[in-house]
Amino acid sequence: MASNGDYATKTDLKTLRHELKGDMAVLRNELKDDVASMRGELVEAIHHTETKLLKAFYEYAESNRLRIVTVETDATNLSKRLAIVEDKLFAIEKKLDLPNAS
C-alpha cells in the first residue's frame, strides 16, 4: 500500500482484504478452540458440583435414616415398657379385687 499519501490501488485493497480474511480465519479458529476448552472445563466443573451435591444428599438421607431407626426403636421399647406396666397394674387390681379388673 502506498505510504506517501497516494491513494490505495485495487491491488492494495485486494492484498489488504486477503490479509484481513486470513487474520479473521486465525481469530475464528482461536475463538473456536477457546470456546471448546471452556466448554470442557465447564462440563467438568458441573460434573464435580453434581457429584458433591449427590454425596451431600446421600449423607443427609443416611443420617435421617439412622435417626428414624432410632426413633422407631425407642417407640417400640416404650410400647413394651407400657405393656409391662399395664400388666402389672392389672395384676395389682386383680389382687385388690377392684371392680375395673375383669
PDB file of N, CA and C in Angstrom:
ATOM      1  N   MET A   1       0.850  -1.173   0.000  1.00  0.00           N
ATOM      2  CA  MET A   1       0.000   0.000   0.000  1.00  0.00           C
ATOM      3  C   MET A   1       0.890   1.228   0.000  1.00  0.00           C
ATOM      4  N   ALA A   2       0.421   2.233  -0.623  1.00  0.00           N
ATOM      5  CA  ALA A   2       1.205   3.463  -0.728  1.00  0.00           C
ATOM      6  C   ALA A   2       1.281   4.132   0.624  1.00  0.00           C
ATOM      7  N   SER A   3       2.484   4.570   0.979  1.00  0.00           N
ATOM      8  CA  SER A   3       2.659   5.192   2.283  1.00  0.00           C
ATOM      9  C   SER A   3       3.000   6.671   2.167  1.00  0.00           C
ATOM     10  N   ASN A   4       3.080   7.156   0.973  1.00  0.00           N
ATOM     11  CA  ASN A   4       3.473   8.560   0.798  1.00  0.00           C
ATOM     12  C   ASN A   4       2.273   9.476   0.577  1.00  0.00           C
ATOM     13  N   GLY A   5       1.086   9.021   0.948  1.00  0.00           N
ATOM     14  CA  GLY A   5      -0.092   9.859   0.791  1.00  0.00           C
ATOM     15  C   GLY A   5      -0.844   9.588  -0.482  1.00  0.00           C
ATOM     16  N   ASP A   6      -0.365   8.674  -1.330  1.00  0.00           N
ATOM     17  CA  ASP A   6      -1.088   8.324  -2.557  1.00  0.00           C
ATOM     18  C   ASP A   6      -2.320   7.499  -2.207  1.00  0.00           C
ATOM     19  N   TYR A   7      -3.199   7.463  -3.147  1.00  0.00           N
ATOM     20  CA  TYR A   7      -4.408   6.664  -2.964  1.00  0.00           C
ATOM     21  C   TYR A   7      -4.082   5.182  -3.083  1.00  0.00           C
ATOM     22  N   ALA A   8      -4.888   4.352  -2.404  1.00  0.00           N
ATOM     23  CA  ALA A   8      -4.695   2.903  -2.470  1.00  0.00           C
ATOM     24  C   ALA A   8      -5.236   2.393  -3.793  1.00  0.00           C
ATOM     25  N   THR A   9      -4.517   1.472  -4.358  1.00  0.00           N
ATOM     26  CA  THR A   9      -4.949   0.880  -5.629  1.00  0.00           C
ATOM     27  C   THR A   9      -5.826  -0.332  -5.349  1.00  0.00           C
ATOM     28  N   LYS A  10      -6.461  -0.845  -6.414  1.00  0.00           N
ATOM     29  CA  LYS A  10      -7.286  -2.037  -6.264  1.00  0.00           C
ATOM     30  C   LYS A  10      -6.439  -3.212  -5.780  1.00  0.00           C
ATOM     31  N   THR A  11      -5.212  -3.283  -6.238  1.00  0.00           N
ATOM     32  CA  THR A  11      -4.307  -4.354  -5.809  1.00  0.00           C
ATOM     33  C   THR A  11      -4.013  -4.230  -4.318  1.00  0.00           C
ATOM     34  N   ASP A  12      -3.801  -2.986  -3.869  1.00  0.00           N
ATOM     35  CA  ASP A  12      -3.569  -2.760  -2.437  1.00  0.00           C
ATOM     36  C   ASP A  12      -4.775  -3.213  -1.621  1.00  0.00           C
ATOM     37  N   LEU A  13      -5.965  -2.867  -2.104  1.00  0.00           N
ATOM     38  CA  LEU A  13      -7.191  -3.246  -1.395  1.00  0.00           C
ATOM     39  C   LEU A  13      -7.387  -4.757  -1.384  1.00  0.00           C
ATOM     40  N   LYS A  14      -7.072  -5.420  -2.514  1.00  0.00           N
ATOM     41  CA  LYS A  14      -7.193  -6.878  -2.570  1.00  0.00           C
ATOM     42  C   LYS A  14      -6.214  -7.538  -1.602  1.00  0.00           C
ATOM     43  N   THR A  15      -5.007  -6.998  -1.550  1.00  0.00           N
ATOM     44  CA  THR A  15      -3.997  -7.540  -0.632  1.00  0.00           C
ATOM     45  C   THR A  15      -4.452  -7.371   0.811  1.00  0.00           C
ATOM     46  N   LEU A  16      -4.936  -6.182   1.121  1.00  0.00           N
ATOM     47  CA  LEU A  16      -5.424  -5.909   2.469  1.00  0.00           C
ATOM     48  C   LEU A  16      -6.600  -6.812   2.818  1.00  0.00           C
ATOM     49  N   ARG A  17      -7.505  -6.961   1.855  1.00  0.00           N
ATOM     50  CA  ARG A  17      -8.673  -7.821   2.062  1.00  0.00           C
ATOM     51  C   ARG A  17      -8.234  -9.260   2.326  1.00  0.00           C
ATOM     52  N   HIS A  18      -7.282  -9.743   1.564  1.00  0.00           N
ATOM     53  CA  HIS A  18      -6.768 -11.102   1.725  1.00  0.00           C
ATOM     54  C   HIS A  18      -6.123 -11.272   3.111  1.00  0.00           C
ATOM     55  N   GLU A  19      -5.335 -10.276   3.525  1.00  0.00           N
ATOM     56  CA  GLU A  19      -4.694 -10.330   4.842  1.00  0.00           C
ATOM     57  C   GLU A  19      -5.739 -10.331   5.959  1.00  0.00           C
ATOM     58  N   LEU A  20      -6.760  -9.476   5.811  1.00  0.00           N
ATOM     59  CA  LEU A  20      -7.813  -9.415   6.825  1.00  0.00           C
ATOM     60  C   LEU A  20      -8.583 -10.727   6.917  1.00  0.00           C
ATOM     61  N   LYS A  21      -8.874 -11.331   5.754  1.00  0.00           N
ATOM     62  CA  LYS A  21      -9.569 -12.619   5.763  1.00  0.00           C
ATOM     63  C   LYS A  21      -8.730 -13.680   6.473  1.00  0.00           C
ATOM     64  N   GLY A  22      -7.434 -13.666   6.212  1.00  0.00           N
ATOM     65  CA  GLY A  22      -6.537 -14.617   6.884  1.00  0.00           C
ATOM     66  C   GLY A  22      -6.511 -14.394   8.383  1.00  0.00           C
ATOM     67  N   ASP A  23      -6.398 -13.123   8.783  1.00  0.00           N
ATOM     68  CA  ASP A  23      -6.392 -12.801  10.212  1.00  0.00           C
ATOM     69  C   ASP A  23      -7.706 -13.206  10.871  1.00  0.00           C
ATOM     70  N   MET A  24      -8.819 -12.949  10.179  1.00  0.00           N
ATOM     71  CA  MET A  24     -10.129 -13.316  10.726  1.00  0.00           C
ATOM     72  C   MET A  24     -10.262 -14.830  10.858  1.00  0.00           C
ATOM     73  N   ALA A  25      -9.728 -15.572   9.899  1.00  0.00           N
ATOM     74  CA  ALA A  25      -9.782 -17.033   9.969  1.00  0.00           C
ATOM     75  C   ALA A  25      -8.977 -17.540  11.165  1.00  0.00           C
ATOM     76  N   VAL A  26      -7.808 -16.948  11.373  1.00  0.00           N
ATOM     77  CA  VAL A  26      -6.980 -17.335  12.520  1.00  0.00           C
ATOM     78  C   VAL A  26      -7.714 -17.032  13.821  1.00  0.00           C
ATOM     79  N   LEU A  27      -8.285 -15.835  13.918  1.00  0.00           N
ATOM     80  CA  LEU A  27      -9.027 -15.454  15.124  1.00  0.00           C
ATOM     81  C   LEU A  27     -10.232 -16.361  15.347  1.00  0.00           C
ATOM     82  N   ARG A  28     -10.929 -16.699  14.260  1.00  0.00           N
ATOM     83  CA  ARG A  28     -12.092 -17.577  14.360  1.00  0.00           C
ATOM     84  C   ARG A  28     -11.678 -18.946  14.913  1.00  0.00           C
ATOM     85  N   ASN A  29     -10.581 -19.477  14.395  1.00  0.00           N
ATOM     86  CA  ASN A  29     -10.095 -20.775  14.870  1.00  0.00           C
ATOM     87  C   ASN A  29      -9.652 -20.716  16.332  1.00  0.00           C
ATOM     88  N   GLU A  30      -8.975 -19.632  16.699  1.00  0.00           N
ATOM     89  CA  GLU A  30      -8.566 -19.466  18.096  1.00  0.00           C
ATOM     90  C   GLU A  30      -9.787 -19.371  19.004  1.00  0.00           C
ATOM     91  N   LEU A  31     -10.802 -18.636  18.549  1.00  0.00           N
ATOM     92  CA  LEU A  31     -12.023 -18.494  19.327  1.00  0.00           C
ATOM     93  C   LEU A  31     -12.727 -19.838  19.489  1.00  0.00           C
ATOM     94  N   LYS A  32     -12.794 -20.613  18.406  1.00  0.00           N
ATOM     95  CA  LYS A  32     -13.407 -21.942  18.485  1.00  0.00           C
ATOM     96  C   LYS A  32     -12.661 -22.825  19.479  1.00  0.00           C
ATOM     97  N   ASP A  33     -11.339 -22.777  19.430  1.00  0.00           N
ATOM     98  CA  ASP A  33     -10.533 -23.568  20.365  1.00  0.00           C
ATOM     99  C   ASP A  33     -10.774 -23.132  21.808  1.00  0.00           C
ATOM    100  N   ASP A  34     -10.823 -21.812  22.026  1.00  0.00           N
ATOM    101  CA  ASP A  34     -11.069 -21.296  23.373  1.00  0.00           C
ATOM    102  C   ASP A  34     -12.443 -21.707  23.884  1.00  0.00           C
ATOM    103  N   VAL A  35     -13.449 -21.616  23.031  1.00  0.00           N
ATOM    104  CA  VAL A  35     -14.811 -21.997  23.425  1.00  0.00           C
ATOM    105  C   VAL A  35     -14.865 -23.489  23.742  1.00  0.00           C
ATOM    106  N   ALA A  36     -14.219 -24.308  22.915  1.00  0.00           N
ATOM    107  CA  ALA A  36     -14.199 -25.753  23.159  1.00  0.00           C
ATOM    108  C   ALA A  36     -13.505 -26.063  24.482  1.00  0.00           C
ATOM    109  N   SER A  37     -12.421 -25.377  24.750  1.00  0.00           N
ATOM    110  CA  SER A  37     -11.694 -25.578  26.006  1.00  0.00           C
ATOM    111  C   SER A  37     -12.549 -25.166  27.199  1.00  0.00           C
ATOM    112  N   MET A  38     -13.194 -24.005  27.089  1.00  0.00           N
ATOM    113  CA  MET A  38     -14.054 -23.523  28.169  1.00  0.00           C
ATOM    114  C   MET A  38     -15.235 -24.459  28.382  1.00  0.00           C
ATOM    115  N   ARG A  39     -15.761 -24.999  27.294  1.00  0.00           N
ATOM    116  CA  ARG A  39     -16.876 -25.936  27.402  1.00  0.00           C
ATOM    117  C   ARG A  39     -16.448 -27.173  28.184  1.00  0.00           C
ATOM    118  N   GLY A  40     -15.274 -27.687  27.871  1.00  0.00           N
ATOM    119  CA  GLY A  40     -14.754 -28.849  28.589  1.00  0.00           C
ATOM    120  C   GLY A  40     -14.579 -28.566  30.072  1.00  0.00           C
ATOM    121  N   GLU A  41     -14.023 -27.400  30.377  1.00  0.00           N
ATOM    122  CA  GLU A  41     -13.837 -27.012  31.776  1.00  0.00           C
ATOM    123  C   GLU A  41     -15.178 -26.849  32.482  1.00  0.00           C
ATOM    124  N   LEU A  42     -16.158 -26.272  31.787  1.00  0.00           N
ATOM    125  CA  LEU A  42     -17.479 -26.079  32.373  1.00  0.00           C
ATOM    126  C   LEU A  42     -18.160 -27.415  32.644  1.00  0.00           C
ATOM    127  N   VAL A  43     -18.077 -28.328  31.690  1.00  0.00           N
ATOM    128  CA  VAL A  43     -18.671 -29.656  31.877  1.00  0.00           C
ATOM    129  C   VAL A  43     -18.025 -30.355  33.072  1.00  0.00           C
ATOM    130  N   GLU A  44     -16.717 -30.242  33.186  1.00  0.00           N
ATOM    131  CA  GLU A  44     -16.005 -30.856  34.307  1.00  0.00           C
ATOM    132  C   GLU A  44     -16.433 -30.226  35.636  1.00  0.00           C
ATOM    133  N   ALA A  45     -16.571 -28.914  35.669  1.00  0.00           N
ATOM    134  CA  ALA A  45     -16.991 -28.224  36.894  1.00  0.00           C
ATOM    135  C   ALA A  45     -18.411 -28.614  37.273  1.00  0.00           C
ATOM    136  N   ILE A  46     -19.297 -28.713  36.294  1.00  0.00           N
ATOM    137  CA  ILE A  46     -20.682 -29.117  36.566  1.00  0.00           C
ATOM    138  C   ILE A  46     -20.704 -30.539  37.110  1.00  0.00           C
ATOM    139  N   HIS A  47     -19.929 -31.424  36.505  1.00  0.00           N
ATOM    140  CA  HIS A  47     -19.874 -32.814  36.965  1.00  0.00           C
ATOM    141  C   HIS A  47     -19.359 -32.878  38.403  1.00  0.00           C
ATOM    142  N   HIS A  48     -18.326 -32.103  38.703  1.00  0.00           N
ATOM    143  CA  HIS A  48     -17.759 -32.079  40.051  1.00  0.00           C
ATOM    144  C   HIS A  48     -18.793 -31.569  41.061  1.00  0.00           C
ATOM    145  N   THR A  49     -19.495 -30.512  40.707  1.00  0.00           N
ATOM    146  CA  THR A  49     -20.527 -29.957  41.584  1.00  0.00           C
ATOM    147  C   THR A  49     -21.658 -30.950  41.787  1.00  0.00           C
ATOM    148  N   GLU A  50     -22.069 -31.599  40.713  1.00  0.00           N
ATOM    149  CA  GLU A  50     -23.135 -32.597  40.803  1.00  0.00           C
ATOM    150  C   GLU A  50     -22.729 -33.734  41.743  1.00  0.00           C
ATOM    151  N   THR A  51     -21.500 -34.177  41.629  1.00  0.00           N
ATOM    152  CA  THR A  51     -21.011 -35.250  42.498  1.00  0.00           C
ATOM    153  C   THR A  51     -21.025 -34.816  43.959  1.00  0.00           C
ATOM    154  N   LYS A  52     -20.576 -33.592  44.221  1.00  0.00           N
ATOM    155  CA  LYS A  52     -20.578 -33.090  45.597  1.00  0.00           C
ATOM    156  C   LYS A  52     -21.997 -32.999  46.151  1.00  0.00           C
ATOM    157  N   LEU A  53     -22.936 -32.530  45.330  1.00  0.00           N
ATOM    158  CA  LEU A  53     -24.326 -32.424  45.776  1.00  0.00           C
ATOM    159  C   LEU A  53     -24.919 -33.796  46.072  1.00  0.00           C
ATOM    160  N   LEU A  54     -24.668 -34.743  45.190  1.00  0.00           N
ATOM    161  CA  LEU A  54     -25.200 -36.086  45.402  1.00  0.00           C
ATOM    162  C   LEU A  54     -24.631 -36.711  46.670  1.00  0.00           C
ATOM    163  N   LYS A  55     -23.349 -36.507  46.928  1.00  0.00           N
ATOM    164  CA  LYS A  55     -22.749 -37.031  48.156  1.00  0.00           C
ATOM    165  C   LYS A  55     -23.384 -36.380  49.378  1.00  0.00           C
ATOM    166  N   ALA A  56     -23.602 -35.075  49.313  1.00  0.00           N
ATOM    167  CA  ALA A  56     -24.205 -34.359  50.442  1.00  0.00           C
ATOM    168  C   ALA A  56     -25.626 -34.851  50.691  1.00  0.00           C
ATOM    169  N   PHE A  57     -26.413 -35.034  49.626  1.00  0.00           N
ATOM    170  CA  PHE A  57     -27.775 -35.543  49.795  1.00  0.00           C
ATOM    171  C   PHE A  57     -27.765 -36.958  50.359  1.00  0.00           C
ATOM    172  N   TYR A  58     -26.830 -37.782  49.903  1.00  0.00           N
ATOM    173  CA  TYR A  58     -26.741 -39.152  50.407  1.00  0.00           C
ATOM    174  C   TYR A  58     -26.419 -39.146  51.897  1.00  0.00           C
ATOM    175  N   GLU A  59     -25.446 -38.331  52.304  1.00  0.00           N
ATOM    176  CA  GLU A  59     -25.087 -38.251  53.721  1.00  0.00           C
ATOM    177  C   GLU A  59     -26.264 -37.748  54.553  1.00  0.00           C
ATOM    178  N   TYR A  60     -26.996 -36.777  54.038  1.00  0.00           N
ATOM    179  CA  TYR A  60     -28.169 -36.259  54.745  1.00  0.00           C
ATOM    180  C   TYR A  60     -29.232 -37.344  54.877  1.00  0.00           C
ATOM    181  N   ALA A  61     -29.500 -38.051  53.792  1.00  0.00           N
ATOM    182  CA  ALA A  61     -30.507 -39.115  53.817  1.00  0.00           C
ATOM    183  C   ALA A  61     -30.087 -40.236  54.762  1.00  0.00           C
ATOM    184  N   GLU A  62     -28.821 -40.576  54.760  1.00  0.00           N
ATOM    185  CA  GLU A  62     -28.330 -41.644  55.639  1.00  0.00           C
ATOM    186  C   GLU A  62     -28.467 -41.248  57.102  1.00  0.00           C
ATOM    187  N   SER A  63     -28.125 -40.017  57.448  1.00  0.00           N
ATOM    188  CA  SER A  63     -28.259 -39.580  58.842  1.00  0.00           C
ATOM    189  C   SER A  63     -29.725 -39.539  59.257  1.00  0.00           C
ATOM    190  N   ASN A  64     -30.605 -39.129  58.355  1.00  0.00           N
ATOM    191  CA  ASN A  64     -32.038 -39.140  58.670  1.00  0.00           C
ATOM    192  C   ASN A  64     -32.553 -40.558  58.848  1.00  0.00           C
ATOM    193  N   ARG A  65     -32.077 -41.484  58.018  1.00  0.00           N
ATOM    194  CA  ARG A  65     -32.500 -42.874  58.137  1.00  0.00           C
ATOM    195  C   ARG A  65     -32.092 -43.426  59.501  1.00  0.00           C
ATOM    196  N   LEU A  66     -30.866 -43.133  59.922  1.00  0.00           N
ATOM    197  CA  LEU A  66     -30.408 -43.596  61.230  1.00  0.00           C
ATOM    198  C   LEU A  66     -31.235 -42.978  62.355  1.00  0.00           C
ATOM    199  N   ARG A  67     -31.572 -41.706  62.207  1.00  0.00           N
ATOM    200  CA  ARG A  67     -32.402 -41.036  63.208  1.00  0.00           C
ATOM    201  C   ARG A  67     -33.779 -41.687  63.291  1.00  0.00           C
ATOM    202  N   ILE A  68     -34.361 -42.001  62.152  1.00  0.00           N
ATOM    203  CA  ILE A  68     -35.689 -42.625  62.119  1.00  0.00           C
ATOM    204  C   ILE A  68     -35.639 -44.011  62.746  1.00  0.00           C
ATOM    205  N   VAL A  69     -34.594 -44.776  62.446  1.00  0.00           N
ATOM    206  CA  VAL A  69     -34.448 -46.105  63.051  1.00  0.00           C
ATOM    207  C   VAL A  69     -34.372 -45.976  64.566  1.00  0.00           C
ATOM    208  N   THR A  70     -33.631 -44.995  65.055  1.00  0.00           N
ATOM    209  CA  THR A  70     -33.518 -44.776  66.494  1.00  0.00           C
ATOM    210  C   THR A  70     -34.871 -44.420  67.100  1.00  0.00           C
ATOM    211  N   VAL A  71     -35.611 -43.538  66.454  1.00  0.00           N
ATOM    212  CA  VAL A  71     -36.935 -43.144  66.952  1.00  0.00           C
ATOM    213  C   VAL A  71     -37.874 -44.344  66.961  1.00  0.00           C
ATOM    214  N   GLU A  72     -37.857 -45.143  65.901  1.00  0.00           N
ATOM    215  CA  GLU A  72     -38.724 -46.322  65.843  1.00  0.00           C
ATOM    216  C   GLU A  72     -38.359 -47.326  66.932  1.00  0.00           C
ATOM    217  N   THR A  73     -37.071 -47.518  67.169  1.00  0.00           N
ATOM    218  CA  THR A  73     -36.625 -48.433  68.226  1.00  0.00           C
ATOM    219  C   THR A  73     -37.070 -47.923  69.589  1.00  0.00           C
ATOM    220  N   ASP A  74     -36.901 -46.629  69.821  1.00  0.00           N
ATOM    221  CA  ASP A  74     -37.334 -46.042  71.093  1.00  0.00           C
ATOM    222  C   ASP A  74     -38.840 -46.189  71.281  1.00  0.00           C
ATOM    223  N   ALA A  75     -39.603 -45.981  70.225  1.00  0.00           N
ATOM    224  CA  ALA A  75     -41.061 -46.109  70.314  1.00  0.00           C
ATOM    225  C   ALA A  75     -41.452 -47.551  70.622  1.00  0.00           C
ATOM    226  N   THR A  76     -40.780 -48.507  70.008  1.00  0.00           N
ATOM    227  CA  THR A  76     -41.062 -49.923  70.273  1.00  0.00           C
ATOM    228  C   THR A  76     -40.733 -50.266  71.719  1.00  0.00           C
ATOM    229  N   ASN A  77     -39.584 -49.803  72.192  1.00  0.00           N
ATOM    230  CA  ASN A  77     -39.205 -50.061  73.587  1.00  0.00           C
ATOM    231  C   ASN A  77     -40.190 -49.423  74.554  1.00  0.00           C
ATOM    232  N   LEU A  78     -40.637 -48.228  74.253  1.00  0.00           N
ATOM    233  CA  LEU A  78     -41.608 -47.547  75.103  1.00  0.00           C
ATOM    234  C   LEU A  78     -42.929 -48.305  75.133  1.00  0.00           C
ATOM    235  N   SER A  79     -43.363 -48.808  73.991  1.00  0.00           N
ATOM    236  CA  SER A  79     -44.604 -49.591  73.934  1.00  0.00           C
ATOM    237  C   SER A  79     -44.481 -50.858  74.772  1.00  0.00           C
ATOM    238  N   LYS A  80     -43.326 -51.518  74.711  1.00  0.00           N
ATOM    239  CA  LYS A  80     -43.108 -52.731  75.513  1.00  0.00           C
ATOM    240  C   LYS A  80     -43.158 -52.414  77.001  1.00  0.00           C
ATOM    241  N   ARG A  81     -42.497 -51.319  77.387  1.00  0.00           N
ATOM    242  CA  ARG A  81     -42.491 -50.936  78.805  1.00  0.00           C
ATOM    243  C   ARG A  81     -43.893 -50.569  79.280  1.00  0.00           C
ATOM    244  N   LEU A  82     -44.663 -49.891  78.434  1.00  0.00           N
ATOM    245  CA  LEU A  82     -46.036 -49.541  78.787  1.00  0.00           C
ATOM    246  C   LEU A  82     -46.879 -50.799  78.947  1.00  0.00           C
ATOM    247  N   ALA A  83     -46.681 -51.779  78.089  1.00  0.00           N
ATOM    248  CA  ALA A  83     -47.423 -53.036  78.195  1.00  0.00           C
ATOM    249  C   ALA A  83     -47.085 -53.744  79.503  1.00  0.00           C
ATOM    250  N   ILE A  84     -45.816 -53.712  79.911  1.00  0.00           N
ATOM    251  CA  ILE A  84     -45.410 -54.327  81.182  1.00  0.00           C
ATOM    252  C   ILE A  84     -46.084 -53.623  82.350  1.00  0.00           C
ATOM    253  N   VAL A  85     -46.108 -52.286  82.319  1.00  0.00           N
ATOM    254  CA  VAL A  85     -46.762 -51.515  83.385  1.00  0.00           C
ATOM    255  C   VAL A  85     -48.252 -51.844  83.436  1.00  0.00           C
ATOM    256  N   GLU A  86     -48.905 -51.942  82.281  1.00  0.00           N
ATOM    257  CA  GLU A  86     -50.332 -52.279  82.248  1.00  0.00           C
ATOM    258  C   GLU A  86     -50.581 -53.669  82.817  1.00  0.00           C
ATOM    259  N   ASP A  87     -49.716 -54.625  82.475  1.00  0.00           N
ATOM    260  CA  ASP A  87     -49.862 -55.980  83.027  1.00  0.00           C
ATOM    261  C   ASP A  87     -49.716 -55.978  84.543  1.00  0.00           C
ATOM    262  N   LYS A  88     -48.729 -55.238  85.041  1.00  0.00           N
ATOM    263  CA  LYS A  88     -48.527 -55.171  86.496  1.00  0.00           C
ATOM    264  C   LYS A  88     -49.704 -54.486  87.182  1.00  0.00           C
ATOM    265  N   LEU A  89     -50.218 -53.415  86.571  1.00  0.00           N
ATOM    266  CA  LEU A  89     -51.370 -52.716  87.135  1.00  0.00           C
ATOM    267  C   LEU A  89     -52.590 -53.626  87.160  1.00  0.00           C
ATOM    268  N   PHE A  90     -52.782 -54.392  86.107  1.00  0.00           N
ATOM    269  CA  PHE A  90     -53.906 -55.321  86.047  1.00  0.00           C
ATOM    270  C   PHE A  90     -53.767 -56.388  87.133  1.00  0.00           C
ATOM    271  N   ALA A  91     -52.540 -56.876  87.351  1.00  0.00           N
ATOM    272  CA  ALA A  91     -52.309 -57.885  88.390  1.00  0.00           C
ATOM    273  C   ALA A  91     -52.603 -57.305  89.768  1.00  0.00           C
ATOM    274  N   ILE A  92     -52.206 -56.051  90.000  1.00  0.00           N
ATOM    275  CA  ILE A  92     -52.482 -55.403  91.288  1.00  0.00           C
ATOM    276  C   ILE A  92     -53.981 -55.225  91.478  1.00  0.00           C
ATOM    277  N   GLU A  93     -54.679 -54.781  90.433  1.00  0.00           N
ATOM    278  CA  GLU A  93     -56.134 -54.599  90.522  1.00  0.00           C
ATOM    279  C   GLU A  93     -56.818 -55.924  90.826  1.00  0.00           C
ATOM    280  N   LYS A  94     -56.304 -57.004  90.236  1.00  0.00           N
ATOM    281  CA  LYS A  94     -56.889 -58.319  90.457  1.00  0.00           C
ATOM    282  C   LYS A  94     -56.697 -58.753  91.906  1.00  0.00           C
ATOM    283  N   LYS A  95     -55.492 -58.513  92.449  1.00  0.00           N
ATOM    284  CA  LYS A  95     -55.215 -58.896  93.836  1.00  0.00           C
ATOM    285  C   LYS A  95     -56.075 -58.098  94.804  1.00  0.00           C
ATOM    286  N   LEU A  96     -56.294 -56.834  94.489  1.00  0.00           N
ATOM    287  CA  LEU A  96     -57.097 -55.981  95.367  1.00  0.00           C
ATOM    288  C   LEU A  96     -58.587 -56.154  95.123  1.00  0.00           C
ATOM    289  N   ASP A  97     -58.923 -56.921  94.094  1.00  0.00           N
ATOM    290  CA  ASP A  97     -60.311 -57.190  93.722  1.00  0.00           C
ATOM    291  C   ASP A  97     -61.070 -55.892  93.449  1.00  0.00           C
ATOM    292  N   LEU A  98     -60.453 -55.027  92.643  1.00  0.00           N
ATOM    293  CA  LEU A  98     -61.097 -53.778  92.254  1.00  0.00           C
ATOM    294  C   LEU A  98     -62.131 -54.062  91.173  1.00  0.00           C
ATOM    295  N   PRO A  99     -63.189 -53.251  91.069  1.00  0.00           N
ATOM    296  CA  PRO A  99     -64.256 -53.514  90.102  1.00  0.00           C
ATOM    297  C   PRO A  99     -63.794 -53.414  88.637  1.00  0.00           C
ATOM    298  N   ASN A 100     -62.764 -52.641  88.338  1.00  0.00           N
ATOM    299  CA  ASN A 100     -62.306 -52.497  86.950  1.00  0.00           C
ATOM    300  C   ASN A 100     -61.576 -53.735  86.458  1.00  0.00           C
ATOM    301  N   ALA A 101     -61.074 -54.562  87.355  1.00  0.00           N
ATOM    302  CA  ALA A 101     -60.334 -55.759  86.961  1.00  0.00           C
ATOM    303  C   ALA A 101     -61.314 -56.829  86.527  1.00  0.00           C
ATOM    304  N   SER A 102     -61.193 -57.322  85.336  1.00  0.00           N
ATOM    305  CA  SER A 102     -62.122 -58.336  84.854  1.00  0.00           C
ATOM    306  C   SER A 102     -61.422 -59.655  84.695  1.00  0.00           C
TER     307      SER A 102
END
